[in-house]
């Protein structure tokens, strides 16, 4: 059986590269990664953080426009 890894909000924010306040705002607005409470603590499962990141990954990237040739 796979081990379930959980993070406190501060740890989750570090894992995602976000501020703790940003994660709290996502939660209050009904967005962001899935979380749960244990008493007064907000907890995030690593697999939920990974799934949320994957859902926000861009599907395609535009390439930079090439420099115009012959322009001095």
N, C-alpha and C. Protein backbone atom coordinates (compact mmCIF):
# COMPACT_ATOMS: atom_id res chain seq x y z
N UNK A 1 0.84 -1.19 0.00
CA UNK A 1 0.00 0.00 0.00
C UNK A 1 0.89 1.24 0.00
N UNK A 2 0.53 2.21 -0.84
CA UNK A 2 1.33 3.43 -0.96
C UNK A 2 1.13 4.32 0.26
N UNK A 3 2.20 4.98 0.64
CA UNK A 3 2.14 5.89 1.78
C UNK A 3 1.52 7.21 1.34
N UNK A 4 0.63 7.75 2.16
CA UNK A 4 -0.01 9.03 1.88
C UNK A 4 0.79 10.12 2.58
N UNK A 5 1.24 11.10 1.81
CA UNK A 5 2.02 12.21 2.35
C UNK A 5 1.11 13.42 2.45
N UNK A 6 1.09 14.04 3.63
CA UNK A 6 0.25 15.23 3.85
C UNK A 6 1.12 16.40 4.28
N UNK A 7 0.67 17.59 3.91
CA UNK A 7 1.38 18.82 4.23
C UNK A 7 0.46 19.78 4.98
N UNK A 8 1.02 20.54 5.89
CA UNK A 8 0.33 21.70 6.44
C UNK A 8 0.31 22.78 5.36
N UNK A 9 -0.51 23.81 5.54
CA UNK A 9 -0.63 24.84 4.50
C UNK A 9 0.72 25.47 4.17
N UNK A 10 1.52 25.78 5.16
CA UNK A 10 2.83 26.40 4.91
C UNK A 10 3.71 25.47 4.08
N UNK A 11 3.72 24.19 4.40
CA UNK A 11 4.51 23.22 3.65
C UNK A 11 3.99 23.07 2.23
N UNK A 12 2.67 23.04 2.09
CA UNK A 12 2.05 22.92 0.77
C UNK A 12 2.41 24.13 -0.10
N UNK A 13 2.39 25.31 0.50
CA UNK A 13 2.74 26.52 -0.23
C UNK A 13 4.18 26.45 -0.73
N UNK A 14 5.09 26.00 0.11
CA UNK A 14 6.48 25.85 -0.31
C UNK A 14 6.60 24.83 -1.43
N UNK A 15 5.89 23.72 -1.31
CA UNK A 15 5.92 22.65 -2.31
C UNK A 15 5.45 23.17 -3.67
N UNK A 16 4.43 24.04 -3.65
CA UNK A 16 3.86 24.57 -4.89
C UNK A 16 4.58 25.82 -5.40
N UNK A 17 5.41 26.42 -4.56
CA UNK A 17 6.08 27.65 -4.95
C UNK A 17 5.16 28.86 -4.85
N UNK A 18 4.20 28.79 -3.93
CA UNK A 18 3.25 29.88 -3.71
C UNK A 18 3.41 30.41 -2.29
N UNK A 19 2.77 31.54 -2.02
CA UNK A 19 2.76 32.02 -0.64
C UNK A 19 1.63 31.34 0.11
N UNK A 20 1.76 31.30 1.41
CA UNK A 20 0.72 30.73 2.26
C UNK A 20 -0.59 31.52 2.09
N UNK A 21 -0.48 32.84 1.95
CA UNK A 21 -1.67 33.68 1.75
C UNK A 21 -2.39 33.36 0.44
N UNK A 22 -1.64 33.10 -0.61
CA UNK A 22 -2.24 32.75 -1.89
C UNK A 22 -3.04 31.46 -1.77
N UNK A 23 -2.47 30.48 -1.10
CA UNK A 23 -3.17 29.21 -0.90
C UNK A 23 -4.44 29.42 -0.08
N UNK A 24 -4.36 30.27 0.94
CA UNK A 24 -5.54 30.57 1.77
C UNK A 24 -6.61 31.28 0.94
N UNK A 25 -6.20 32.18 0.06
CA UNK A 25 -7.16 32.87 -0.80
C UNK A 25 -7.84 31.90 -1.75
N UNK A 26 -7.08 30.98 -2.33
CA UNK A 26 -7.67 29.96 -3.20
C UNK A 26 -8.74 29.18 -2.43
N UNK A 27 -8.42 28.80 -1.21
CA UNK A 27 -9.35 28.01 -0.41
C UNK A 27 -10.61 28.80 -0.09
N UNK A 28 -10.47 30.08 0.26
CA UNK A 28 -11.64 30.88 0.62
C UNK A 28 -12.52 31.19 -0.58
N UNK A 29 -11.93 31.17 -1.78
CA UNK A 29 -12.68 31.46 -3.00
C UNK A 29 -13.20 30.18 -3.67
N UNK A 30 -12.95 29.04 -3.05
CA UNK A 30 -13.43 27.78 -3.60
C UNK A 30 -12.57 27.23 -4.73
N UNK A 31 -11.35 27.70 -4.83
CA UNK A 31 -10.44 27.22 -5.86
C UNK A 31 -9.21 26.59 -5.22
N UNK A 32 -8.23 26.32 -6.03
CA UNK A 32 -6.99 25.76 -5.52
C UNK A 32 -7.09 24.27 -5.29
N UNK A 33 -6.04 23.71 -4.73
CA UNK A 33 -6.02 22.26 -4.50
C UNK A 33 -7.00 21.83 -3.41
N UNK A 34 -7.41 20.58 -3.48
CA UNK A 34 -8.30 20.00 -2.47
C UNK A 34 -7.57 19.99 -1.12
N UNK A 35 -8.28 20.33 -0.07
CA UNK A 35 -7.71 20.30 1.28
C UNK A 35 -8.73 19.73 2.24
N UNK A 36 -8.26 19.43 3.45
CA UNK A 36 -9.15 18.96 4.51
C UNK A 36 -8.66 19.53 5.82
N UNK A 37 -9.49 19.45 6.82
CA UNK A 37 -9.14 19.98 8.14
C UNK A 37 -8.98 18.85 9.14
N UNK A 38 -8.00 19.02 9.99
CA UNK A 38 -7.81 18.16 11.16
C UNK A 38 -7.81 19.13 12.33
N UNK A 39 -8.93 19.20 13.02
CA UNK A 39 -9.08 20.24 14.04
C UNK A 39 -9.08 21.59 13.35
N UNK A 40 -8.17 22.46 13.75
CA UNK A 40 -8.07 23.79 13.13
C UNK A 40 -7.01 23.84 12.04
N UNK A 41 -6.32 22.74 11.85
CA UNK A 41 -5.25 22.72 10.85
C UNK A 41 -5.79 22.37 9.47
N UNK A 42 -5.29 23.08 8.47
CA UNK A 42 -5.63 22.79 7.08
C UNK A 42 -4.52 21.90 6.53
N UNK A 43 -4.93 20.79 5.92
CA UNK A 43 -3.97 19.81 5.42
C UNK A 43 -4.21 19.56 3.93
N UNK A 44 -3.13 19.22 3.24
CA UNK A 44 -3.18 18.91 1.81
C UNK A 44 -2.46 17.59 1.58
N UNK A 45 -3.06 16.71 0.78
CA UNK A 45 -2.38 15.48 0.39
C UNK A 45 -1.49 15.79 -0.81
N UNK A 46 -0.30 15.21 -0.83
CA UNK A 46 0.63 15.47 -1.92
C UNK A 46 0.01 15.11 -3.27
N UNK A 47 -0.72 14.01 -3.34
CA UNK A 47 -1.31 13.62 -4.62
C UNK A 47 -2.33 14.65 -5.10
N UNK A 48 -3.02 15.32 -4.18
CA UNK A 48 -3.96 16.38 -4.57
C UNK A 48 -3.21 17.61 -5.07
N UNK A 49 -2.08 17.93 -4.45
CA UNK A 49 -1.27 19.05 -4.91
C UNK A 49 -0.72 18.78 -6.31
N UNK A 50 -0.24 17.56 -6.52
CA UNK A 50 0.29 17.18 -7.84
C UNK A 50 -0.80 17.22 -8.91
N UNK A 51 -1.99 16.73 -8.56
CA UNK A 51 -3.10 16.74 -9.52
C UNK A 51 -3.51 18.17 -9.87
N UNK A 52 -3.52 19.05 -8.87
CA UNK A 52 -3.88 20.44 -9.11
C UNK A 52 -2.85 21.11 -10.02
N UNK A 53 -1.57 20.85 -9.75
CA UNK A 53 -0.52 21.41 -10.61
C UNK A 53 -0.68 20.91 -12.04
N UNK A 54 -0.93 19.62 -12.20
CA UNK A 54 -1.08 19.04 -13.54
C UNK A 54 -2.27 19.66 -14.27
N UNK A 55 -3.33 19.98 -13.55
CA UNK A 55 -4.51 20.56 -14.19
C UNK A 55 -4.26 22.00 -14.64
N UNK A 56 -3.27 22.64 -14.08
CA UNK A 56 -2.95 24.03 -14.44
C UNK A 56 -1.83 24.11 -15.47
N UNK A 57 -1.25 22.99 -15.83
CA UNK A 57 -0.15 22.97 -16.78
C UNK A 57 -0.68 23.37 -18.16
N UNK A 58 -0.01 24.28 -18.83
CA UNK A 58 -0.47 24.66 -20.17
C UNK A 58 -0.37 23.48 -21.13
N UNK A 59 -1.33 23.37 -22.03
CA UNK A 59 -1.33 22.26 -22.98
C UNK A 59 -0.38 22.51 -24.13
N UNK A 60 -0.10 23.74 -24.43
CA UNK A 60 0.82 24.05 -25.51
C UNK A 60 1.49 25.38 -25.24
N UNK A 61 2.61 25.58 -25.85
CA UNK A 61 3.34 26.83 -25.67
C UNK A 61 3.54 27.46 -27.03
N UNK A 62 3.46 28.76 -27.07
CA UNK A 62 3.76 29.47 -28.30
C UNK A 62 5.26 29.68 -28.35
N UNK A 63 5.79 29.55 -29.54
CA UNK A 63 7.21 29.83 -29.69
C UNK A 63 7.39 31.33 -29.85
N UNK A 64 8.58 31.79 -29.55
CA UNK A 64 8.88 33.20 -29.71
C UNK A 64 8.84 33.54 -31.20
N UNK A 65 8.35 34.70 -31.54
CA UNK A 65 8.39 35.09 -32.95
C UNK A 65 9.84 35.23 -33.40
N UNK A 66 10.13 34.75 -34.58
CA UNK A 66 11.50 34.84 -35.06
C UNK A 66 11.82 36.29 -35.43
N UNK A 67 13.07 36.63 -35.29
CA UNK A 67 13.52 37.99 -35.61
C UNK A 67 13.38 38.21 -37.11
N UNK A 68 13.00 39.40 -37.48
CA UNK A 68 12.86 39.73 -38.90
C UNK A 68 14.22 39.72 -39.56
N UNK A 69 14.26 39.10 -40.72
CA UNK A 69 15.53 39.04 -41.44
C UNK A 69 15.66 40.27 -42.33
N UNK A 70 16.86 40.74 -42.49
CA UNK A 70 17.12 41.85 -43.38
C UNK A 70 16.80 43.21 -42.79
N UNK A 71 16.47 43.28 -41.51
CA UNK A 71 16.19 44.57 -40.88
C UNK A 71 17.44 45.00 -40.14
N UNK A 72 17.94 46.19 -40.44
CA UNK A 72 19.18 46.65 -39.83
C UNK A 72 18.90 47.50 -38.63
